[in-house]
Amino acid sequence: MTTIIKIQNLKCGGCANTIMKKISTIENVTNVNVSIEESTVTFDSLSQNEITIVRHKMAVLGYPADGESNSVISKAKSYFSCASGKMA
């Protein structure tokens, strides 16, 4: 099943790179794509369980789904994720 999640704090290619690398490591999650212009992450998975895992991983990285809490800590985490994505 293909899922599209609109996320917060997505700023650049560094962010997208980090997200794609981290989400692609989740078992049964494939075809990960990040759209900077639309602030979305698209991926294929086998079940709702993987979707829940991806949403949690996104929040941990500092990119919570649209409508979820976006605290100062989340924003700070996204800057760190962005910087590490640019270095990779």
Protein backbone atom coordinates (compact mmCIF):
# COMPACT_ATOMS: atom_id res chain seq x y z
CA MET A 1 0.00 0.00 0.00
CA THR A 2 1.24 3.48 -0.86
CA THR A 3 1.11 6.11 1.86
CA ILE A 4 1.68 9.87 1.68
CA ILE A 5 2.39 11.76 4.91
CA LYS A 6 2.52 15.56 4.96
CA ILE A 7 5.25 16.58 7.40
CA GLN A 8 6.48 19.70 9.19
CA ASN A 9 9.96 21.30 9.30
CA LEU A 10 11.10 20.01 5.89
CA LYS A 11 13.44 22.67 4.52
CA CYS A 12 15.92 21.33 1.99
CA GLY A 13 17.71 18.48 0.28
CA GLY A 14 19.67 17.73 3.46
CA CYS A 15 16.43 17.09 5.30
CA ALA A 16 15.14 14.95 2.44
CA ASN A 17 18.38 12.94 2.33
CA THR A 18 18.22 12.16 6.07
CA ILE A 19 14.55 11.18 5.87
CA MET A 20 15.07 8.89 2.88
CA LYS A 21 18.05 7.15 4.47
CA LYS A 22 16.37 6.61 7.85
CA ILE A 23 12.94 5.58 6.57
CA SER A 24 14.43 3.21 3.97
CA THR A 25 15.97 1.14 6.80
CA ILE A 26 12.56 0.21 8.21
CA GLU A 27 11.63 -3.37 7.34
CA ASN A 28 8.86 -3.73 4.72
CA VAL A 29 9.09 -0.03 3.74
CA THR A 30 10.12 0.58 0.13
CA ASN A 31 10.05 3.23 -2.60
CA VAL A 32 10.64 6.13 -0.19
CA ASN A 33 10.33 9.53 -1.85
CA VAL A 34 10.46 12.99 -0.28
CA SER A 35 8.93 16.06 -1.93
CA ILE A 36 10.44 19.25 -0.56
CA GLU A 37 7.94 21.38 -2.50
CA GLU A 38 4.93 19.59 -1.02
CA SER A 39 6.50 18.69 2.37
CA THR A 40 5.50 15.05 1.92
CA VAL A 41 7.00 11.62 2.37
CA THR A 42 5.64 8.86 0.14
CA PHE A 43 6.42 5.18 0.64
CA ASP A 44 5.09 1.68 0.12
CA SER A 45 4.50 -0.70 3.03
CA LEU A 46 2.76 -3.96 3.79
CA SER A 47 0.60 -2.93 6.74
CA GLN A 48 -0.59 -0.18 9.05
CA ASN A 49 2.17 -1.21 11.48
CA GLU A 50 4.89 0.12 9.17
CA ILE A 51 2.98 3.38 8.71
CA THR A 52 2.90 3.83 12.48
CA ILE A 53 6.63 3.11 12.68
CA VAL A 54 7.39 5.63 9.92
CA ARG A 55 5.27 8.33 11.62
CA HIS A 56 7.09 7.72 14.91
CA LYS A 57 10.52 7.76 13.22
CA MET A 58 9.66 11.01 11.46
CA ALA A 59 8.73 12.63 14.78
CA VAL A 60 11.96 11.38 16.39
CA LEU A 61 13.96 12.92 13.53
CA GLY A 62 12.17 16.27 14.02
CA TYR A 63 9.66 16.01 11.17
CA PRO A 64 6.29 15.32 12.80
CA ALA A 65 3.26 14.72 10.59
CA ASP A 66 1.11 17.73 9.82
CA GLY A 67 -1.30 18.29 12.72
CA GLU A 68 0.97 16.64 15.32
CA SER A 69 2.80 18.59 18.01
CA ASN A 70 5.73 20.59 16.60
CA SER A 71 7.63 21.72 19.67
CA VAL A 72 10.84 23.71 19.81
CA ILE A 73 12.62 20.40 20.44
CA SER A 74 11.18 18.95 17.21
CA LYS A 75 12.36 21.99 15.29
CA ALA A 76 15.84 21.71 16.81
CA LYS A 77 16.00 18.00 15.92
CA SER A 78 15.05 18.82 12.33
CA TYR A 79 17.97 21.28 12.07
CA PHE A 80 20.36 18.58 13.29
CA SER A 81 18.86 16.03 10.87
CA CYS A 82 19.15 18.57 8.07
CA ALA A 83 22.82 19.27 8.81
CA SER A 84 23.71 15.59 9.00
CA GLY A 85 21.86 14.98 5.71
CA LYS A 86 23.91 17.69 4.01
CA MET A 87 27.16 16.09 5.18
CA ALA A 88 26.24 12.64 3.89
